[in-house]
Each structure stands twice: as structure tokens, then as C-alpha cells.
C-alpha atoms as a PDB file:
ATOM      1  CA  MET A   1      26.790  39.437 -24.469  1.00  0.00           C
ATOM      2  CA  LEU A   2      23.155  40.631 -25.103  1.00  0.00           C
ATOM      3  CA  LYS A   3      22.394  37.109 -26.496  1.00  0.00           C
ATOM      4  CA  ILE A   4      23.790  35.334 -23.503  1.00  0.00           C
ATOM      5  CA  THR A   5      21.692  37.765 -21.136  1.00  0.00           C
ATOM      6  CA  LEU A   6      18.566  36.997 -23.150  1.00  0.00           C
ATOM      7  CA  LYS A   7      19.136  33.345 -23.007  1.00  0.00           C
ATOM      8  CA  VAL A   8      19.686  33.455 -19.279  1.00  0.00           C
ATOM      9  CA  ILE A   9      16.493  35.401 -18.788  1.00  0.00           C
ATOM     10  CA  LEU A  10      14.474  33.028 -21.027  1.00  0.00           C
ATOM     11  CA  LEU A  11      15.831  30.029 -19.266  1.00  0.00           C
ATOM     12  CA  SER A  12      14.944  31.563 -15.808  1.00  0.00           C
ATOM     13  CA  VAL A  13      11.409  32.403 -16.987  1.00  0.00           C
ATOM     14  CA  PHE A  14      11.073  28.856 -18.483  1.00  0.00           C
ATOM     15  CA  PHE A  15      12.181  27.054 -15.267  1.00  0.00           C
ATOM     16  CA  THR A  16      10.036  29.268 -13.081  1.00  0.00           C
ATOM     17  CA  VAL A  17       7.034  28.248 -15.216  1.00  0.00           C
ATOM     18  CA  LEU A  18       7.970  24.616 -14.927  1.00  0.00           C
ATOM     19  CA  GLU A  19       8.265  24.870 -11.106  1.00  0.00           C
ATOM     20  CA  ALA A  20       4.976  26.612 -10.864  1.00  0.00           C
ATOM     21  CA  GLN A  21       3.400  23.648 -12.890  1.00  0.00           C
ATOM     22  CA  ALA A  22       5.126  20.943 -10.989  1.00  0.00           C
ATOM     23  CA  LEU A  23       2.741  18.411  -9.366  1.00  0.00           C
ATOM     24  CA  GLN A  24       2.417  18.890  -5.569  1.00  0.00           C
ATOM     25  CA  LEU A  25       1.506  16.317  -3.041  1.00  0.00           C
ATOM     26  CA  GLN A  26      -1.469  18.490  -1.993  1.00  0.00           C
ATOM     27  CA  ASP A  27      -2.689  18.178  -5.709  1.00  0.00           C
ATOM     28  CA  LEU A  28      -2.554  14.430  -5.500  1.00  0.00           C
ATOM     29  CA  THR A  29      -4.089  14.361  -2.035  1.00  0.00           C
ATOM     30  CA  LYS A  30      -7.050  16.529  -3.244  1.00  0.00           C
ATOM     31  CA  LEU A  31      -7.619  14.114  -6.279  1.00  0.00           C
ATOM     32  CA  LEU A  32      -7.579  10.941  -4.268  1.00  0.00           C
ATOM     33  CA  ASP A  33      -9.553  12.463  -1.366  1.00  0.00           C
ATOM     34  CA  SER A  34     -12.453  12.948  -3.709  1.00  0.00           C
ATOM     35  CA  LYS A  35     -12.773   9.046  -3.867  1.00  0.00           C
ATOM     36  CA  LYS A  36     -14.163   7.975  -0.538  1.00  0.00           C
ATOM     37  CA  ASN A  37     -15.099   4.396  -1.746  1.00  0.00           C
ATOM     38  CA  ILE A  38     -13.317   2.410  -4.232  1.00  0.00           C
ATOM     39  CA  THR A  39     -13.520  -1.235  -5.353  1.00  0.00           C
ATOM     40  CA  CYS A  40     -10.796  -2.843  -7.555  1.00  0.00           C
ATOM     41  CA  ASP A  41      -9.479  -6.135  -8.575  1.00  0.00           C
ATOM     42  CA  TYR A  42      -5.920  -6.766  -7.425  1.00  0.00           C
ATOM     43  CA  LYS A  43      -2.993  -8.962  -8.355  1.00  0.00           C
ATOM     44  CA  GLN A  44      -0.148  -9.377  -6.034  1.00  0.00           C
ATOM     45  CA  VAL A  45       3.283 -10.874  -6.605  1.00  0.00           C
ATOM     46  CA  LYS A  46       5.341 -11.223  -3.602  1.00  0.00           C
ATOM     47  CA  THR A  47       9.091 -12.195  -3.975  1.00  0.00           C
ATOM     48  CA  PHE A  48      10.236 -13.742  -0.747  1.00  0.00           C
ATOM     49  CA  GLN A  49      13.684 -15.372  -0.351  1.00  0.00           C
ATOM     50  CA  GLY A  50      13.787 -16.054  -4.080  1.00  0.00           C
ATOM     51  CA  GLN A  51      10.283 -17.618  -4.164  1.00  0.00           C
ATOM     52  CA  GLU A  52       7.451 -15.740  -6.133  1.00  0.00           C
ATOM     53  CA  LEU A  53       4.085 -15.998  -4.425  1.00  0.00           C
ATOM     54  CA  ASN A  54       1.097 -14.787  -6.468  1.00  0.00           C
ATOM     55  CA  SER A  55      -2.433 -13.946  -5.297  1.00  0.00           C
ATOM     56  CA  THR A  56      -5.485 -12.264  -6.676  1.00  0.00           C
ATOM     57  CA  GLY A  57      -8.674 -10.883  -5.227  1.00  0.00           C
ATOM     58  CA  SER A  58     -10.762  -7.708  -4.569  1.00  0.00           C
ATOM     59  CA  PHE A  59      -9.688  -4.552  -2.879  1.00  0.00           C
ATOM     60  CA  TYR A  60     -11.996  -2.184  -0.979  1.00  0.00           C
ATOM     61  CA  LEU A  61     -11.440   1.270   0.287  1.00  0.00           C
ATOM     62  CA  ILE A  62     -14.474   2.130   2.451  1.00  0.00           C
ATOM     63  CA  ASP A  63     -15.027   5.844   3.591  1.00  0.00           C
ATOM     64  CA  LYS A  64     -11.298   6.338   3.415  1.00  0.00           C
ATOM     65  CA  ALA A  65     -11.251   4.638   6.815  1.00  0.00           C
ATOM     66  CA  THR A  66     -11.232   0.972   6.133  1.00  0.00           C
ATOM     67  CA  ILE A  67      -9.157  -1.104   3.666  1.00  0.00           C
ATOM     68  CA  LYS A  68     -10.211  -4.659   2.955  1.00  0.00           C
ATOM     69  CA  PHE A  69      -8.415  -7.103   0.819  1.00  0.00           C
ATOM     70  CA  SER A  70     -10.491 -10.216  -0.101  1.00  0.00           C
ATOM     71  CA  GLN A  71      -8.166 -12.779  -1.536  1.00  0.00           C
ATOM     72  CA  HIS A  72      -9.624 -15.291  -3.750  1.00  0.00           C
ATOM     73  CA  ASP A  73      -6.674 -17.262  -5.087  1.00  0.00           C
ATOM     74  CA  PRO A  74      -4.648 -19.296  -4.118  1.00  0.00           C
ATOM     75  CA  PHE A  75      -6.992 -19.590  -1.118  1.00  0.00           C
ATOM     76  CA  ALA A  76      -9.731 -17.437   0.464  1.00  0.00           C
ATOM     77  CA  MET A  77      -8.659 -14.861   3.106  1.00  0.00           C
ATOM     78  CA  ASP A  78      -9.917 -11.467   4.082  1.00  0.00           C
ATOM     79  CA  THR A  79      -7.709  -8.804   5.567  1.00  0.00           C
ATOM     80  CA  VAL A  80      -9.268  -5.820   7.081  1.00  0.00           C
ATOM     81  CA  LEU A  81      -7.412  -2.635   8.182  1.00  0.00           C
ATOM     82  CA  ASN A  82      -8.847   0.257  10.094  1.00  0.00           C
ATOM     83  CA  SER A  83      -7.758   2.702  12.835  1.00  0.00           C
ATOM     84  CA  GLU A  84      -8.709   0.186  15.587  1.00  0.00           C
ATOM     85  CA  LYS A  85      -7.359  -3.136  14.250  1.00  0.00           C
ATOM     86  CA  LEU A  86      -5.981  -5.424  11.563  1.00  0.00           C
ATOM     87  CA  LEU A  87      -8.191  -8.483  11.135  1.00  0.00           C
ATOM     88  CA  GLN A  88      -7.386 -11.534   9.265  1.00  0.00           C
ATOM     89  CA  ILE A  89     -10.152 -14.198   8.471  1.00  0.00           C
ATOM     90  CA  ILE A  90      -9.283 -17.613   7.058  1.00  0.00           C
ATOM     91  CA  ASP A  91     -11.848 -20.547   7.012  1.00  0.00           C
ATOM     92  CA  GLY A  92     -13.926 -18.550   9.578  1.00  0.00           C
ATOM     93  CA  ASN A  93     -11.044 -18.194  11.919  1.00  0.00           C
ATOM     94  CA  GLU A  94     -10.240 -14.618  13.011  1.00  0.00           C
ATOM     95  CA  ALA A  95      -6.902 -13.207  14.178  1.00  0.00           C
ATOM     96  CA  ALA A  96      -6.592  -9.529  15.208  1.00  0.00           C
ATOM     97  CA  ILE A  97      -3.808  -7.090  15.924  1.00  0.00           C
ATOM     98  CA  THR A  98      -4.861  -4.161  17.937  1.00  0.00           C
ATOM     99  CA  LYS A  99      -3.044  -1.089  19.495  1.00  0.00           C
ATOM    100  CA  GLU A 100      -3.315  -2.865  22.860  1.00  0.00           C
ATOM    101  CA  ASN A 101      -1.817  -6.237  21.862  1.00  0.00           C
ATOM    102  CA  ASN A 102       0.863  -5.121  19.573  1.00  0.00           C
ATOM    103  CA  PRO A 103       1.522  -1.302  19.526  1.00  0.00           C
ATOM    104  CA  GLN A 104       4.549  -1.252  17.107  1.00  0.00           C
ATOM    105  CA  VAL A 105       2.781  -3.321  14.454  1.00  0.00           C
ATOM    106  CA  PHE A 106      -0.263  -1.285  14.802  1.00  0.00           C
ATOM    107  CA  GLU A 107       1.734   1.955  14.235  1.00  0.00           C
ATOM    108  CA  VAL A 108       3.130   0.466  11.000  1.00  0.00           C
ATOM    109  CA  ILE A 109      -0.546  -0.433  10.014  1.00  0.00           C
ATOM    110  CA  ASN A 110      -1.738   3.138  10.550  1.00  0.00           C
ATOM    111  CA  LEU A 111       1.021   4.398   8.321  1.00  0.00           C
ATOM    112  CA  VAL A 112       0.091   1.980   5.660  1.00  0.00           C
ATOM    113  CA  MET A 113      -3.405   3.417   5.857  1.00  0.00           C
ATOM    114  CA  GLN A 114      -1.878   6.867   5.272  1.00  0.00           C
ATOM    115  CA  VAL A 115       0.026   5.575   2.220  1.00  0.00           C
ATOM    116  CA  PHE A 116      -3.118   4.277   0.617  1.00  0.00           C
ATOM    117  CA  SER A 117      -4.960   7.459   1.202  1.00  0.00           C
ATOM    118  CA  ILE A 118      -1.992   9.733   0.298  1.00  0.00           C
ATOM    119  CA  GLN A 119      -2.326  12.049   3.254  1.00  0.00           C
ATOM    120  CA  GLN A 120      -0.350  15.337   3.445  1.00  0.00           C
ATOM    121  CA  ASP A 121       1.416  14.201   6.527  1.00  0.00           C
ATOM    122  CA  LEU A 122       3.173  11.451   4.717  1.00  0.00           C
ATOM    123  CA  GLU A 123       6.071  13.817   4.670  1.00  0.00           C
ATOM    124  CA  ASN A 124       6.379  13.501   8.433  1.00  0.00           C
ATOM    125  CA  HIS A 125       7.324   9.910   7.981  1.00  0.00           C
ATOM    126  CA  PHE A 126       8.717   9.623   4.508  1.00  0.00           C
ATOM    127  CA  ALA A 127      11.194  11.383   2.220  1.00  0.00           C
ATOM    128  CA  VAL A 128       8.766  12.122  -0.685  1.00  0.00           C
ATOM    129  CA  LYS A 129       9.405  12.408  -4.387  1.00  0.00           C
ATOM    130  CA  LEU A 130       6.424  13.091  -6.560  1.00  0.00           C
ATOM    131  CA  THR A 131       6.775  13.277 -10.368  1.00  0.00           C
ATOM    132  CA  GLY A 132       4.471  13.487 -13.316  1.00  0.00           C
ATOM    133  CA  THR A 133       0.981  14.924 -13.788  1.00  0.00           C
ATOM    134  CA  LEU A 134      -2.366  14.115 -12.063  1.00  0.00           C
ATOM    135  CA  ASP A 135      -3.013  11.885 -15.263  1.00  0.00           C
ATOM    136  CA  ASN A 136       0.243   9.866 -14.797  1.00  0.00           C
ATOM    137  CA  TRP A 137       1.980  10.245 -11.458  1.00  0.00           C
ATOM    138  CA  THR A 138       4.791   8.437  -9.654  1.00  0.00           C
ATOM    139  CA  LEU A 139       5.208   8.709  -5.842  1.00  0.00           C
ATOM    140  CA  PHE A 140       8.475   7.453  -4.312  1.00  0.00           C
ATOM    141  CA  LEU A 141       8.560   7.124  -0.539  1.00  0.00           C
ATOM    142  CA  GLU A 142      11.629   6.237   1.609  1.00  0.00           C
ATOM    143  CA  PRO A 143      11.001   6.107   5.360  1.00  0.00           C
ATOM    144  CA  LYS A 144      12.468   8.659   7.705  1.00  0.00           C
ATOM    145  CA  ASP A 145      10.749   7.054  10.692  1.00  0.00           C
ATOM    146  CA  GLU A 146      13.046   4.596  12.535  1.00  0.00           C
ATOM    147  CA  LEU A 147      10.184   2.087  13.045  1.00  0.00           C
ATOM    148  CA  LEU A 148       9.295   2.114   9.378  1.00  0.00           C
ATOM    149  CA  LYS A 149      12.979   1.944   8.408  1.00  0.00           C
ATOM    150  CA  LYS A 150      13.038  -1.463  10.147  1.00  0.00           C
ATOM    151  CA  VAL A 151      10.227  -2.599   7.842  1.00  0.00           C
ATOM    152  CA  PHE A 152      10.356  -0.857   4.523  1.00  0.00           C
ATOM    153  CA  LYS A 153      13.346   0.127   2.323  1.00  0.00           C
ATOM    154  CA  THR A 154      11.015   2.020  -0.203  1.00  0.00           C
ATOM    155  CA  ILE A 155       7.463   2.219  -1.420  1.00  0.00           C
ATOM    156  CA  LEU A 156       6.766   3.209  -4.974  1.00  0.00           C
ATOM    157  CA  LEU A 157       3.227   4.132  -6.079  1.00  0.00           C
ATOM    158  CA  LYS A 158       1.991   4.893  -9.551  1.00  0.00           C
ATOM    159  CA  GLY A 159      -1.346   5.985 -10.761  1.00  0.00           C
ATOM    160  CA  SER A 160      -3.657   8.351 -12.462  1.00  0.00           C
ATOM    161  CA  ASN A 161      -7.137   8.885 -11.134  1.00  0.00           C
ATOM    162  CA  ASN A 162      -6.486   6.092  -8.642  1.00  0.00           C
ATOM    163  CA  ILE A 163      -3.480   4.209  -7.424  1.00  0.00           C
ATOM    164  CA  GLN A 164      -2.710   1.648 -10.095  1.00  0.00           C
ATOM    165  CA  SER A 165       0.394  -0.051  -8.690  1.00  0.00           C
ATOM    166  CA  ILE A 166       2.417  -0.166  -5.456  1.00  0.00           C
ATOM    167  CA  THR A 167       5.850  -1.832  -5.160  1.00  0.00           C
ATOM    168  CA  ILE A 168       7.176  -2.331  -1.718  1.00  0.00           C
ATOM    169  CA  THR A 169      10.818  -3.129  -1.063  1.00  0.00           C
ATOM    170  CA  ASP A 170      11.619  -4.450   2.386  1.00  0.00           C
ATOM    171  CA  ASN A 171      15.005  -4.452   4.066  1.00  0.00           C
ATOM    172  CA  ASN A 172      15.759  -7.968   2.931  1.00  0.00           C
ATOM    173  CA  GLN A 173      15.311  -6.920  -0.620  1.00  0.00           C
ATOM    174  CA  ASP A 174      12.024  -8.941  -0.832  1.00  0.00           C
ATOM    175  CA  LEU A 175       9.458  -7.242  -3.122  1.00  0.00           C
ATOM    176  CA  THR A 176       5.664  -6.903  -3.021  1.00  0.00           C
ATOM    177  CA  TYR A 177       4.021  -5.760  -6.135  1.00  0.00           C
ATOM    178  CA  LEU A 178       0.324  -4.875  -6.180  1.00  0.00           C
ATOM    179  CA  GLU A 179      -1.510  -4.110  -9.298  1.00  0.00           C
ATOM    180  CA  PHE A 180      -5.045  -2.656  -9.147  1.00  0.00           C
ATOM    181  CA  SER A 181      -7.460  -2.882 -12.180  1.00  0.00           C
ATOM    182  CA  ASN A 182     -11.222  -2.543 -12.905  1.00  0.00           C
ATOM    183  CA  CYS A 183     -11.490   0.223 -10.204  1.00  0.00           C
ATOM    184  CA  LYS A 184     -14.963   1.636  -9.563  1.00  0.00           C
ATOM    185  CA  GLN A 185     -16.048   4.499  -7.290  1.00  0.00           C
END
């Protein structure tokens, strides 16, 4: 009986220590908040209705307020997201989505900005599951917000000092996979 009691006590202490050391979203937010400006190369593979589309380019996170994708291949295109608009530039032609001309799409864009910066209030919009350590973490997001549920089924982020990859599954089971490399601060 004493052996069983000791085992229960030891297991209780062990699991309490494990819980205390578990990676928290605030730890990840703090790590990534320290990186205000990041430049990376990216590779994107998008599976759409059974077709695979590949693209490569450069990714910029500027002052944690602007995201820019400069696609180089298969054709040149810039996409800029910030709190005021989403701007796409192809061959010098600009197309913008703003809060005024498309409020629902713009709301989704702002939530995407939150995902890239791993903000604390992600838990307001997503069911969050974070595993691993600061050196090797995985963040699984499942939308709680009705608008997001119409767009995304799941978002999976993996990383260490930076986000290394993002896998987005939409409601049609189409996948978007982004892999970031050569990241510099």
C-alpha cells in the first residue's frame, strides 16, 4: 500500500512539473514579438481541385504591421497586407481590398495578420493547441469565429525562432503550404 501511495505522489509531482514547463502561447508571442522586421525566402505549394500550383519568392514582415509577399516565380506579383488594405500588384496594375469596399474579406485579412504575428488574442478567434518547446514548436489553430469557419478548416504553424512553415486547409480540403527559409532579422 505504501508503494502505491509513493508512486501516486511521485506521478503527481512529475505531472505538476511537466505542466509548469509546458509551452504557453504567451511564451511564443514574446519570442516572436522580439522580431519586428523579418525577411525570408518562401516556397508555396497550393493544391486546388487536385491541381498543384507552385510559387517562390520573398517574404517581408515590416514593423510587425505589414506583410509583403514578392512572388518571383512562376510570374512576378507583389501582395501587401496591412491594417488598411490588401494590395496586389501585377505588371504595374494595382488592385486593392479595403475595409470600405469589402468588409468581410478585410476582417479575414486582419485575422491572417494576427496569425503571422502570433498575437495573444488568437484564442478569441481560434481553438489553439500549442506543443513543443521554443526551439521546436507546433501551433494548431481551428477557427471558432463563424466568418473564419467559412474560409479555413485548420491552420498549422511550425517553427523555432521564426515561423518555418504554415499549412492551411480550407473547407474544400484544398491545401496551401508555405515554407520559409533563409530568414534574417
